[in-house]
Amino acid sequence: MGKGTLYIVSAPSGAGKSSLIAEMLEHNPAYAMKVSVSHTTRGMRPGEQDGVHYHFVQKEHFEALIEKGEFLEYAEVFGNYYGTSRVWIEETLNKGIDVFLDIDWQGARQIREQMPKAKSVFILPPSNGELERRLNARGQDSEAVIAKRMAEAKSEISHYHEYDYIIINDDFDTALTDFRAIIRAERLKQDKQAEKYKGMLKALLAE
């Protein structure tokens, strides 16, 4: 059994990143895959579950994990820590399971420095107008928050060239097909196939 692949997935808010990852996890039985669940020190919100949405921990515990080098990346946002567990990701990849890491470009840089074999995917909206329409359609944010998200989107999008793959999420089904194609192509690479089928290859090459 070969190692899984770590996929760094980034996008501006509203581009459909979370929906694409969720669909991949639910309807792709061919390959074992999971999404990374971050640690955070912020309080649990209504409807959230520990270990599903985040691993909710106390600030002191989080800082102790930092000291031990337990995080591949972490950041402090509005007084709360958020971090990605190095141990969980490495253990999961060693089991042959692909891992999706939903993270921004800054976190992506930190991850790539430590795990250069990770593959990165950037999800783009077809236009600023469509992105703003989607943010409004969610009905979750005020006009001020949406304006802030749109401003942040331009900054996020400016880093697209740092990623291995670009997917334009104009039509969701087409974007999902593209996403699946990336995963399949990575799984079919020589090193992964050679590890997976080493017994068959040995038999084929036997006299």
N, C-alpha and C. Protein backbone atom coordinates (compact mmCIF):
# COMPACT_ATOMS: atom_id res chain seq x y z
N MET A 1 0.84 -1.20 0.00
CA MET A 1 0.00 0.00 0.00
C MET A 1 0.88 1.25 0.00
N GLY A 2 0.66 2.13 -0.99
CA GLY A 2 1.44 3.36 -1.07
C GLY A 2 0.88 4.42 -0.16
N LYS A 3 1.62 5.52 -0.04
CA LYS A 3 1.18 6.64 0.78
C LYS A 3 0.09 7.42 0.08
N GLY A 4 -0.75 8.06 0.88
CA GLY A 4 -1.76 8.94 0.33
C GLY A 4 -1.11 10.26 -0.07
N THR A 5 -1.88 11.11 -0.71
CA THR A 5 -1.42 12.43 -1.14
C THR A 5 -2.12 13.50 -0.33
N LEU A 6 -1.37 14.50 0.08
CA LEU A 6 -1.94 15.65 0.77
C LEU A 6 -2.30 16.69 -0.27
N TYR A 7 -3.57 17.08 -0.30
CA TYR A 7 -4.06 18.09 -1.23
C TYR A 7 -4.37 19.38 -0.49
N ILE A 8 -3.63 20.42 -0.81
CA ILE A 8 -3.92 21.75 -0.27
C ILE A 8 -4.94 22.39 -1.19
N VAL A 9 -6.10 22.76 -0.64
CA VAL A 9 -7.17 23.34 -1.46
C VAL A 9 -7.49 24.74 -0.95
N SER A 10 -7.34 25.73 -1.82
CA SER A 10 -7.59 27.12 -1.43
C SER A 10 -8.55 27.78 -2.41
N ALA A 11 -9.21 28.82 -1.94
CA ALA A 11 -10.15 29.57 -2.78
C ALA A 11 -10.68 30.75 -1.99
N PRO A 12 -11.12 31.79 -2.69
CA PRO A 12 -11.79 32.87 -1.97
C PRO A 12 -13.15 32.39 -1.46
N SER A 13 -13.62 32.98 -0.38
CA SER A 13 -14.92 32.60 0.17
C SER A 13 -16.01 32.76 -0.87
N GLY A 14 -16.81 31.69 -1.05
CA GLY A 14 -17.90 31.73 -2.02
C GLY A 14 -17.58 31.06 -3.34
N ALA A 15 -16.33 30.61 -3.53
CA ALA A 15 -15.94 30.01 -4.80
C ALA A 15 -16.40 28.56 -4.93
N GLY A 16 -16.83 27.95 -3.82
CA GLY A 16 -17.36 26.58 -3.87
C GLY A 16 -16.39 25.51 -3.42
N LYS A 17 -15.32 25.91 -2.77
CA LYS A 17 -14.30 24.97 -2.33
C LYS A 17 -14.85 23.89 -1.39
N SER A 18 -15.56 24.31 -0.35
CA SER A 18 -16.09 23.36 0.64
C SER A 18 -17.08 22.39 0.01
N SER A 19 -17.90 22.89 -0.92
CA SER A 19 -18.89 22.03 -1.58
C SER A 19 -18.20 20.98 -2.46
N LEU A 20 -17.14 21.38 -3.14
CA LEU A 20 -16.42 20.43 -3.99
C LEU A 20 -15.75 19.34 -3.15
N ILE A 21 -15.13 19.74 -2.04
CA ILE A 21 -14.49 18.76 -1.17
C ILE A 21 -15.53 17.80 -0.58
N ALA A 22 -16.65 18.35 -0.13
CA ALA A 22 -17.71 17.52 0.46
C ALA A 22 -18.24 16.50 -0.55
N GLU A 23 -18.42 16.94 -1.79
CA GLU A 23 -18.92 16.04 -2.83
C GLU A 23 -17.90 14.95 -3.14
N MET A 24 -16.63 15.31 -3.16
CA MET A 24 -15.58 14.31 -3.39
C MET A 24 -15.60 13.24 -2.31
N LEU A 25 -15.73 13.66 -1.07
CA LEU A 25 -15.71 12.72 0.04
C LEU A 25 -16.92 11.79 0.03
N GLU A 26 -18.06 12.33 -0.38
CA GLU A 26 -19.31 11.56 -0.30
C GLU A 26 -19.51 10.61 -1.48
N HIS A 27 -19.03 11.02 -2.66
CA HIS A 27 -19.33 10.23 -3.86
C HIS A 27 -18.09 9.81 -4.64
N ASN A 28 -17.03 9.44 -3.93
CA ASN A 28 -15.85 8.95 -4.62
C ASN A 28 -15.34 7.70 -3.93
N PRO A 29 -16.06 6.59 -4.05
CA PRO A 29 -15.71 5.37 -3.32
C PRO A 29 -14.44 4.68 -3.83
N ALA A 30 -13.92 5.10 -4.99
CA ALA A 30 -12.76 4.40 -5.56
C ALA A 30 -11.50 4.56 -4.72
N TYR A 31 -11.37 5.72 -4.06
CA TYR A 31 -10.17 6.00 -3.29
C TYR A 31 -10.51 6.39 -1.86
N ALA A 32 -9.64 6.01 -0.92
CA ALA A 32 -9.82 6.40 0.47
C ALA A 32 -9.36 7.84 0.63
N MET A 33 -10.21 8.68 1.21
CA MET A 33 -9.85 10.09 1.39
C MET A 33 -10.57 10.69 2.59
N LYS A 34 -9.93 11.66 3.21
CA LYS A 34 -10.50 12.35 4.36
C LYS A 34 -10.16 13.83 4.27
N VAL A 35 -10.90 14.63 5.03
CA VAL A 35 -10.58 16.05 5.13
C VAL A 35 -9.92 16.29 6.49
N SER A 36 -8.90 17.12 6.50
CA SER A 36 -8.20 17.43 7.74
C SER A 36 -9.09 18.29 8.63
N VAL A 37 -9.15 17.95 9.92
CA VAL A 37 -9.93 18.72 10.89
C VAL A 37 -8.96 19.52 11.75
N SER A 38 -9.04 20.84 11.68
CA SER A 38 -8.10 21.70 12.39
C SER A 38 -8.38 21.76 13.89
N HIS A 39 -7.35 22.12 14.64
CA HIS A 39 -7.50 22.44 16.06
C HIS A 39 -7.80 23.93 16.19
N THR A 40 -8.58 24.31 17.17
CA THR A 40 -8.84 25.72 17.42
C THR A 40 -9.10 25.95 18.91
N THR A 41 -8.83 27.17 19.33
CA THR A 41 -9.10 27.55 20.72
C THR A 41 -10.38 28.36 20.84
N ARG A 42 -11.05 28.63 19.72
CA ARG A 42 -12.31 29.38 19.82
C ARG A 42 -13.42 28.50 20.37
N GLY A 43 -14.45 29.14 20.88
CA GLY A 43 -15.57 28.40 21.44
C GLY A 43 -16.37 27.67 20.37
N MET A 44 -17.03 26.61 20.79
CA MET A 44 -17.86 25.84 19.87
C MET A 44 -19.17 26.59 19.59
N ARG A 45 -19.55 26.68 18.34
CA ARG A 45 -20.78 27.37 17.94
C ARG A 45 -21.93 26.38 17.88
N PRO A 46 -23.18 26.88 17.95
CA PRO A 46 -24.33 25.99 17.87
C PRO A 46 -24.29 25.13 16.61
N GLY A 47 -24.51 23.84 16.78
CA GLY A 47 -24.52 22.92 15.65
C GLY A 47 -23.17 22.30 15.34
N GLU A 48 -22.10 22.82 15.94
CA GLU A 48 -20.78 22.26 15.69
C GLU A 48 -20.52 21.06 16.60
N GLN A 49 -19.66 20.15 16.12
CA GLN A 49 -19.29 18.97 16.90
C GLN A 49 -17.78 18.88 17.01
N ASP A 50 -17.32 18.57 18.20
CA ASP A 50 -15.88 18.40 18.42
C ASP A 50 -15.39 17.20 17.63
N GLY A 51 -14.30 17.39 16.89
CA GLY A 51 -13.75 16.31 16.08
C GLY A 51 -14.34 16.21 14.70
N VAL A 52 -15.41 16.96 14.45
CA VAL A 52 -16.05 16.97 13.13
C VAL A 52 -15.75 18.29 12.42
N HIS A 53 -16.13 19.38 13.07
CA HIS A 53 -15.88 20.70 12.49
C HIS A 53 -14.48 21.20 12.87
N TYR A 54 -14.13 21.03 14.13
CA TYR A 54 -12.80 21.36 14.65
C TYR A 54 -12.51 20.45 15.83
N HIS A 55 -11.23 20.40 16.20
CA HIS A 55 -10.86 19.85 17.50
C HIS A 55 -10.76 21.06 18.43
N PHE A 56 -11.71 21.19 19.34
CA PHE A 56 -11.76 22.35 20.23
C PHE A 56 -10.90 22.09 21.46
N VAL A 57 -9.89 22.96 21.67
CA VAL A 57 -8.97 22.78 22.80
C VAL A 57 -8.77 24.10 23.52
N GLN A 58 -8.27 24.02 24.74
CA GLN A 58 -7.95 25.22 25.51
C GLN A 58 -6.66 25.86 24.98
N LYS A 59 -6.55 27.16 25.19
CA LYS A 59 -5.39 27.90 24.69
C LYS A 59 -4.08 27.34 25.22
N GLU A 60 -4.06 26.97 26.52
CA GLU A 60 -2.85 26.44 27.13
C GLU A 60 -2.42 25.13 26.44
N HIS A 61 -3.40 24.30 26.14
CA HIS A 61 -3.11 23.03 25.47
C HIS A 61 -2.56 23.28 24.06
N PHE A 62 -3.19 24.22 23.36
CA PHE A 62 -2.74 24.54 22.00
C PHE A 62 -1.30 25.03 22.01
N GLU A 63 -0.98 25.92 22.96
CA GLU A 63 0.38 26.46 23.05
C GLU A 63 1.39 25.38 23.41
N ALA A 64 0.95 24.40 24.19
CA ALA A 64 1.84 23.27 24.51
C ALA A 64 2.12 22.44 23.25
N LEU A 65 1.11 22.28 22.40
CA LEU A 65 1.29 21.55 21.14
C LEU A 65 2.23 22.31 20.21
N ILE A 66 2.15 23.64 20.24
CA ILE A 66 3.08 24.45 19.43
C ILE A 66 4.52 24.18 19.87
N GLU A 67 4.72 24.17 21.18
CA GLU A 67 6.07 23.95 21.73
C GLU A 67 6.62 22.58 21.32
N LYS A 68 5.74 21.61 21.19
CA LYS A 68 6.17 20.25 20.82
C LYS A 68 6.34 20.09 19.31
N GLY A 69 6.01 21.13 18.54
CA GLY A 69 6.11 21.04 17.08
C GLY A 69 5.04 20.16 16.46
N GLU A 70 3.86 20.14 17.10
CA GLU A 70 2.78 19.25 16.66
C GLU A 70 2.02 19.76 15.43
N PHE A 71 2.21 21.03 15.08
CA PHE A 71 1.44 21.59 13.98
C PHE A 71 2.28 21.78 12.72
N LEU A 72 1.68 21.43 11.58
CA LEU A 72 2.31 21.73 10.30
C LEU A 72 2.24 23.23 10.04
N GLU A 73 1.15 23.83 10.45
CA GLU A 73 0.97 25.28 10.36
C GLU A 73 -0.03 25.69 11.40
N TYR A 74 0.09 26.93 11.85
CA TYR A 74 -0.90 27.48 12.77
C TYR A 74 -0.89 28.99 12.65
N ALA A 75 -1.97 29.61 13.08
CA ALA A 75 -2.08 31.07 13.03
C ALA A 75 -3.02 31.52 14.15
N GLU A 76 -2.85 32.76 14.55
CA GLU A 76 -3.75 33.37 15.53
C GLU A 76 -4.62 34.37 14.79
N VAL A 77 -5.94 34.17 14.88
CA VAL A 77 -6.90 35.02 14.18
C VAL A 77 -7.91 35.57 15.19
N PHE A 78 -7.94 36.88 15.33
CA PHE A 78 -8.85 37.54 16.27
C PHE A 78 -8.78 36.93 17.67
N GLY A 79 -7.55 36.65 18.11
CA GLY A 79 -7.34 36.17 19.46
C GLY A 79 -7.49 34.67 19.65
N ASN A 80 -7.83 33.96 18.58
CA ASN A 80 -7.97 32.50 18.67
C ASN A 80 -6.95 31.81 17.77
N TYR A 81 -6.43 30.69 18.26
CA TYR A 81 -5.48 29.90 17.47
C TYR A 81 -6.22 28.90 16.57
N TYR A 82 -5.62 28.66 15.39
CA TYR A 82 -6.09 27.62 14.48
C TYR A 82 -4.84 26.89 13.98
N GLY A 83 -4.88 25.56 13.94
CA GLY A 83 -3.69 24.84 13.52
C GLY A 83 -4.00 23.48 12.90
N THR A 84 -3.05 22.98 12.10
CA THR A 84 -3.18 21.71 11.41
C THR A 84 -2.25 20.68 12.04
N SER A 85 -2.79 19.57 12.49
CA SER A 85 -2.03 18.54 13.18
C SER A 85 -1.08 17.80 12.24
N ARG A 86 0.21 17.88 12.53
CA ARG A 86 1.22 17.16 11.76
C ARG A 86 1.06 15.64 11.94
N VAL A 87 0.89 15.20 13.18
CA VAL A 87 0.82 13.77 13.49
C VAL A 87 -0.35 13.11 12.77
N TRP A 88 -1.54 13.71 12.86
CA TRP A 88 -2.73 13.10 12.24
C TRP A 88 -2.56 12.99 10.73
N ILE A 89 -2.05 14.05 10.11
CA ILE A 89 -1.89 14.03 8.65
C ILE A 89 -0.87 12.98 8.24
N GLU A 90 0.26 12.92 8.92
CA GLU A 90 1.28 11.94 8.54
C GLU A 90 0.79 10.51 8.74
N GLU A 91 0.08 10.26 9.86
CA GLU A 91 -0.45 8.92 10.12
C GLU A 91 -1.49 8.53 9.06
N THR A 92 -2.33 9.48 8.68
CA THR A 92 -3.38 9.21 7.70
C THR A 92 -2.78 8.94 6.32
N LEU A 93 -1.81 9.75 5.91
CA LEU A 93 -1.15 9.55 4.62
C LEU A 93 -0.43 8.20 4.58
N ASN A 94 0.18 7.80 5.69
CA ASN A 94 0.91 6.53 5.74
C ASN A 94 -0.02 5.32 5.61
N LYS A 95 -1.31 5.53 5.86
CA LYS A 95 -2.30 4.46 5.68
C LYS A 95 -2.80 4.38 4.24
N GLY A 96 -2.26 5.24 3.37
CA GLY A 96 -2.68 5.23 1.97
C GLY A 96 -3.91 6.06 1.71
N ILE A 97 -4.27 6.91 2.65
CA ILE A 97 -5.48 7.74 2.54
C ILE A 97 -5.10 9.14 2.09
N ASP A 98 -5.78 9.65 1.06
CA ASP A 98 -5.58 11.03 0.63
C ASP A 98 -6.21 11.98 1.64
N VAL A 99 -5.59 13.14 1.84
CA VAL A 99 -6.11 14.12 2.80
C VAL A 99 -6.30 15.47 2.10
N PHE A 100 -7.48 16.06 2.28
CA PHE A 100 -7.76 17.40 1.78
C PHE A 100 -7.56 18.39 2.91
N LEU A 101 -6.80 19.43 2.63
CA LEU A 101 -6.54 20.47 3.62
C LEU A 101 -7.11 21.77 3.09
N ASP A 102 -8.21 22.22 3.67
CA ASP A 102 -8.90 23.46 3.28
C ASP A 102 -8.21 24.61 4.01
N ILE A 103 -7.42 25.42 3.27
CA ILE A 103 -6.58 26.40 3.93
C ILE A 103 -6.30 27.58 3.00
N ASP A 104 -5.93 28.73 3.57
CA ASP A 104 -5.65 29.90 2.74
C ASP A 104 -4.22 29.85 2.21
N TRP A 105 -3.87 30.83 1.37
CA TRP A 105 -2.56 30.81 0.70
C TRP A 105 -1.39 30.93 1.69
N GLN A 106 -1.61 31.63 2.79
CA GLN A 106 -0.53 31.77 3.77
C GLN A 106 -0.22 30.44 4.44
N GLY A 107 -1.29 29.73 4.85
CA GLY A 107 -1.11 28.41 5.42
C GLY A 107 -0.53 27.44 4.40
N ALA A 108 -0.96 27.60 3.14
CA ALA A 108 -0.46 26.72 2.07
C ALA A 108 1.05 26.84 1.93
N ARG A 109 1.56 28.06 2.05
CA ARG A 109 3.01 28.26 1.97
C ARG A 109 3.73 27.50 3.08
N GLN A 110 3.19 27.59 4.28
CA GLN A 110 3.81 26.89 5.42
C GLN A 110 3.82 25.38 5.20
N ILE A 111 2.69 24.87 4.69
CA ILE A 111 2.58 23.43 4.46
C ILE A 111 3.57 22.97 3.39
N ARG A 112 3.66 23.71 2.30
CA ARG A 112 4.55 23.31 1.20
C ARG A 112 6.01 23.27 1.64
N GLU A 113 6.39 24.17 2.53
CA GLU A 113 7.77 24.19 3.01
C GLU A 113 8.11 22.90 3.76
N GLN A 114 7.14 22.37 4.48
CA GLN A 114 7.38 21.18 5.29
C GLN A 114 7.01 19.88 4.59
N MET A 115 6.08 19.97 3.63
CA MET A 115 5.66 18.78 2.90
C MET A 115 5.67 19.07 1.41
N PRO A 116 6.86 19.12 0.81
CA PRO A 116 6.98 19.52 -0.59
C PRO A 116 6.28 18.59 -1.58
N LYS A 117 5.94 17.38 -1.15
CA LYS A 117 5.24 16.47 -2.06
C LYS A 117 3.73 16.72 -2.11
N ALA A 118 3.26 17.63 -1.28
CA ALA A 118 1.83 17.96 -1.29
C ALA A 118 1.45 18.58 -2.63
N LYS A 119 0.24 18.33 -3.07
CA LYS A 119 -0.28 18.93 -4.30
C LYS A 119 -1.27 20.03 -3.93
N SER A 120 -1.26 21.10 -4.68
CA SER A 120 -2.11 22.24 -4.33
C SER A 120 -3.09 22.57 -5.46
N VAL A 121 -4.31 22.87 -5.05
CA VAL A 121 -5.40 23.15 -6.00
C VAL A 121 -6.04 24.48 -5.62
N PHE A 122 -6.19 25.36 -6.59
CA PHE A 122 -6.85 26.64 -6.34
C PHE A 122 -8.17 26.68 -7.09
N ILE A 123 -9.25 27.00 -6.38
CA ILE A 123 -10.58 27.09 -6.98
C ILE A 123 -10.90 28.55 -7.27
N LEU A 124 -11.22 28.86 -8.52
CA LEU A 124 -11.54 30.23 -8.92
C LEU A 124 -13.01 30.37 -9.32
N PRO A 125 -13.63 31.52 -9.00
CA PRO A 125 -14.97 31.80 -9.52
C PRO A 125 -14.82 32.30 -10.96
N PRO A 126 -15.86 32.24 -11.78
CA PRO A 126 -15.73 32.70 -13.17
C PRO A 126 -15.61 34.22 -13.29
N SER A 127 -16.09 34.95 -12.28
CA SER A 127 -16.03 36.42 -12.32
C SER A 127 -16.27 36.98 -10.92
N ASN A 128 -15.89 38.23 -10.73
CA ASN A 128 -16.16 38.89 -9.44
C ASN A 128 -17.65 39.04 -9.20
N GLY A 129 -18.38 39.32 -10.29
CA GLY A 129 -19.82 39.48 -10.18
C GLY A 129 -20.51 38.21 -9.70
N GLU A 130 -20.08 37.07 -10.24
CA GLU A 130 -20.66 35.79 -9.84
C GLU A 130 -20.28 35.44 -8.40
N LEU A 131 -19.05 35.78 -8.02
CA LEU A 131 -18.63 35.52 -6.65
C LEU A 131 -19.48 36.33 -5.68
N GLU A 132 -19.73 37.59 -5.99
CA GLU A 132 -20.55 38.43 -5.11
C GLU A 132 -21.99 37.93 -5.07
N ARG A 133 -22.49 37.45 -6.21
CA ARG A 133 -23.85 36.90 -6.25
C ARG A 133 -23.97 35.69 -5.33
N ARG A 134 -22.97 34.81 -5.35
CA ARG A 134 -22.99 33.62 -4.51
C ARG A 134 -22.93 33.98 -3.02
N LEU A 135 -22.11 34.95 -2.69
CA LEU A 135 -22.01 35.38 -1.29
C LEU A 135 -23.34 35.95 -0.80
N ASN A 136 -24.01 36.72 -1.65
CA ASN A 136 -25.32 37.27 -1.29
C ASN A 136 -26.37 36.17 -1.19
N ALA A 137 -26.27 35.17 -2.09
CA ALA A 137 -27.28 34.10 -2.12
C ALA A 137 -27.22 33.23 -0.88
N ARG A 138 -26.06 33.16 -0.22
CA ARG A 138 -25.95 32.35 0.99
C ARG A 138 -26.78 32.94 2.13
N GLY A 139 -26.99 34.24 2.10
CA GLY A 139 -27.80 34.90 3.12
C GLY A 139 -27.23 34.84 4.51
N GLN A 140 -25.91 34.71 4.62
CA GLN A 140 -25.27 34.56 5.93
C GLN A 140 -24.63 35.85 6.43
N ASP A 141 -24.30 36.76 5.51
CA ASP A 141 -23.49 37.92 5.88
C ASP A 141 -24.17 39.24 5.53
N SER A 142 -23.78 40.27 6.26
CA SER A 142 -24.27 41.62 5.99
C SER A 142 -23.55 42.17 4.76
N GLU A 143 -24.04 43.31 4.25
CA GLU A 143 -23.39 43.93 3.10
C GLU A 143 -21.94 44.30 3.41
N ALA A 144 -21.70 44.76 4.63
CA ALA A 144 -20.34 45.15 5.03
C ALA A 144 -19.41 43.95 5.03
N VAL A 145 -19.90 42.81 5.54
CA VAL A 145 -19.09 41.59 5.57
C VAL A 145 -18.82 41.09 4.16
N ILE A 146 -19.83 41.15 3.30
CA ILE A 146 -19.65 40.71 1.92
C ILE A 146 -18.63 41.58 1.20
N ALA A 147 -18.69 42.90 1.45
CA ALA A 147 -17.71 43.81 0.85
C ALA A 147 -16.30 43.46 1.32
N LYS A 148 -16.18 43.09 2.59
CA LYS A 148 -14.88 42.70 3.14
C LYS A 148 -14.40 41.40 2.50
N ARG A 149 -15.32 40.46 2.32
CA ARG A 149 -14.95 39.18 1.70
C ARG A 149 -14.53 39.39 0.25
N MET A 150 -15.18 40.30 -0.45
CA MET A 150 -14.81 40.58 -1.84
C MET A 150 -13.42 41.19 -1.93
N ALA A 151 -13.11 42.07 -0.98
CA ALA A 151 -11.78 42.68 -0.95
C ALA A 151 -10.71 41.62 -0.65
N GLU A 152 -11.03 40.74 0.28
CA GLU A 152 -10.10 39.65 0.62
C GLU A 152 -9.93 38.69 -0.55
N ALA A 153 -11.00 38.52 -1.35
CA ALA A 153 -10.95 37.60 -2.48
C ALA A 153 -9.89 38.01 -3.48
N LYS A 154 -9.78 39.30 -3.75
CA LYS A 154 -8.79 39.77 -4.72
C LYS A 154 -7.38 39.48 -4.23
N SER A 155 -7.15 39.65 -2.94
CA SER A 155 -5.83 39.34 -2.37
C SER A 155 -5.54 37.85 -2.46
N GLU A 156 -6.55 37.03 -2.15
CA GLU A 156 -6.39 35.58 -2.20
C GLU A 156 -6.11 35.10 -3.63
N ILE A 157 -6.90 35.62 -4.57
CA ILE A 157 -6.77 35.19 -5.97
C ILE A 157 -5.41 35.56 -6.54
N SER A 158 -4.80 36.63 -6.05
CA SER A 158 -3.50 37.07 -6.58
C SER A 158 -2.40 36.03 -6.38
N HIS A 159 -2.66 35.03 -5.56
CA HIS A 159 -1.65 33.99 -5.28
C HIS A 159 -1.91 32.70 -6.07
N TYR A 160 -2.79 32.75 -7.07
CA TYR A 160 -3.14 31.54 -7.82
C TYR A 160 -1.93 30.86 -8.44
N HIS A 161 -0.92 31.66 -8.83
CA HIS A 161 0.25 31.12 -9.54
C HIS A 161 1.14 30.25 -8.65
N GLU A 162 0.87 30.21 -7.33
CA GLU A 162 1.66 29.39 -6.42
C GLU A 162 1.15 27.94 -6.36
N TYR A 163 0.06 27.65 -7.07
CA TYR A 163 -0.60 26.35 -6.96
C TYR A 163 -0.32 25.47 -8.19
N ASP A 164 -0.42 24.15 -7.96
CA ASP A 164 -0.17 23.19 -9.04
C ASP A 164 -1.31 23.12 -10.04
N TYR A 165 -2.53 23.23 -9.54
CA TYR A 165 -3.71 23.09 -10.39
C TYR A 165 -4.68 24.26 -10.17
N ILE A 166 -5.38 24.63 -11.24
CA ILE A 166 -6.41 25.66 -11.18
C ILE A 166 -7.72 25.06 -11.69
N ILE A 167 -8.79 25.22 -10.91
CA ILE A 167 -10.12 24.80 -11.34
C ILE A 167 -11.03 26.02 -11.36
N ILE A 168 -11.71 26.24 -12.48
CA ILE A 168 -12.68 27.33 -12.58
C ILE A 168 -14.06 26.76 -12.24
N ASN A 169 -14.64 27.22 -11.15
CA ASN A 169 -15.96 26.71 -10.74
C ASN A 169 -17.05 27.60 -11.30
N ASP A 170 -17.27 27.44 -12.61
CA ASP A 170 -18.39 28.13 -13.28
C ASP A 170 -19.61 27.22 -13.21
N ASP A 171 -19.44 26.00 -13.72
CA ASP A 171 -20.46 24.96 -13.61
C ASP A 171 -19.95 23.94 -12.58
N PHE A 172 -20.74 23.66 -11.54
CA PHE A 172 -20.28 22.81 -10.45
C PHE A 172 -19.91 21.42 -10.92
N ASP A 173 -20.73 20.80 -11.75
CA ASP A 173 -20.44 19.43 -12.20
C ASP A 173 -19.14 19.35 -13.00
N THR A 174 -18.90 20.36 -13.82
CA THR A 174 -17.65 20.40 -14.60
C THR A 174 -16.46 20.57 -13.68
N ALA A 175 -16.60 21.45 -12.69
CA ALA A 175 -15.52 21.67 -11.72
C ALA A 175 -15.24 20.40 -10.93
N LEU A 176 -16.29 19.67 -10.57
CA LEU A 176 -16.13 18.42 -9.83
C LEU A 176 -15.41 17.37 -10.70
N THR A 177 -15.76 17.31 -11.97
CA THR A 177 -15.09 16.39 -12.90
C THR A 177 -13.61 16.72 -12.98
N ASP A 178 -13.28 18.01 -13.05
CA ASP A 178 -11.88 18.42 -13.08
C ASP A 178 -11.15 18.03 -11.80
N PHE A 179 -11.82 18.21 -10.67
CA PHE A 179 -11.25 17.87 -9.37
C PHE A 179 -10.96 16.36 -9.31
N ARG A 180 -11.91 15.57 -9.74
CA ARG A 180 -11.73 14.11 -9.75
C ARG A 180 -10.59 13.70 -10.67
N ALA A 181 -10.45 14.41 -11.79
CA ALA A 181 -9.38 14.09 -12.75
C ALA A 181 -8.01 14.30 -12.12
N ILE A 182 -7.89 15.34 -11.30
CA ILE A 182 -6.61 15.61 -10.61
C ILE A 182 -6.28 14.46 -9.67
N ILE A 183 -7.27 14.06 -8.87
CA ILE A 183 -7.06 12.98 -7.90
C ILE A 183 -6.68 11.69 -8.62
N ARG A 184 -7.40 11.39 -9.69
CA ARG A 184 -7.14 10.14 -10.43
C ARG A 184 -5.74 10.16 -11.06
N ALA A 185 -5.37 11.29 -11.65
CA ALA A 185 -4.05 11.40 -12.29
C ALA A 185 -2.94 11.20 -11.26
N GLU A 186 -3.10 11.77 -10.07
CA GLU A 186 -2.09 11.61 -9.03
C GLU A 186 -2.01 10.15 -8.58
N ARG A 187 -3.16 9.48 -8.50
CA ARG A 187 -3.18 8.08 -8.09
C ARG A 187 -2.53 7.16 -9.14
N LEU A 188 -2.54 7.59 -10.40
CA LEU A 188 -2.00 6.76 -11.47
C LEU A 188 -0.52 7.00 -11.74
N LYS A 189 0.12 7.86 -10.96
CA LYS A 189 1.53 8.11 -11.15
C LYS A 189 2.34 6.83 -10.90
N GLN A 190 3.49 6.77 -11.57
CA GLN A 190 4.29 5.55 -11.57
C GLN A 190 4.62 5.04 -10.17
N ASP A 191 5.06 5.93 -9.27
CA ASP A 191 5.50 5.46 -7.96
C ASP A 191 4.34 4.86 -7.16
N LYS A 192 3.17 5.47 -7.27
CA LYS A 192 2.01 4.95 -6.53
C LYS A 192 1.52 3.63 -7.13
N GLN A 193 1.49 3.55 -8.45
CA GLN A 193 1.06 2.31 -9.10
C GLN A 193 2.06 1.18 -8.86
N ALA A 194 3.36 1.52 -8.88
CA ALA A 194 4.39 0.50 -8.65
C ALA A 194 4.29 -0.08 -7.25
N GLU A 195 3.97 0.77 -6.27
CA GLU A 195 3.81 0.30 -4.90
C GLU A 195 2.54 -0.53 -4.75
N LYS A 196 1.46 -0.05 -5.35
CA LYS A 196 0.18 -0.74 -5.24
C LYS A 196 0.19 -2.11 -5.91
N TYR A 197 0.88 -2.21 -7.07
CA TYR A 197 0.85 -3.43 -7.86
C TYR A 197 2.21 -4.12 -7.92
N LYS A 198 3.00 -3.99 -6.85
CA LYS A 198 4.35 -4.56 -6.89
C LYS A 198 4.33 -6.08 -7.07
N GLY A 199 3.33 -6.75 -6.48
CA GLY A 199 3.23 -8.20 -6.66
C GLY A 199 2.95 -8.56 -8.10
N MET A 200 2.02 -7.84 -8.72
CA MET A 200 1.66 -8.10 -10.11
C MET A 200 2.83 -7.80 -11.04
N LEU A 201 3.55 -6.69 -10.78
CA LEU A 201 4.69 -6.33 -11.60
C LEU A 201 5.80 -7.37 -11.50
N LYS A 202 6.00 -7.88 -10.29
CA LYS A 202 7.01 -8.91 -10.10
C LYS A 202 6.66 -10.16 -10.91
N ALA A 203 5.38 -10.51 -10.90
CA ALA A 203 4.93 -11.69 -11.66
C ALA A 203 5.07 -11.45 -13.16
N LEU A 204 4.74 -10.24 -13.61
CA LEU A 204 4.84 -9.93 -15.03
C LEU A 204 6.29 -9.99 -15.53
N LEU A 205 7.21 -9.63 -14.65
CA LEU A 205 8.62 -9.59 -15.05
C LEU A 205 9.35 -10.90 -14.78
N ALA A 206 8.68 -11.84 -14.13
CA ALA A 206 9.30 -13.13 -13.84
C ALA A 206 9.48 -13.94 -15.12
N GLU A 207 10.54 -14.73 -15.15
CA GLU A 207 10.77 -15.58 -16.32
C GLU A 207 9.82 -16.77 -16.33
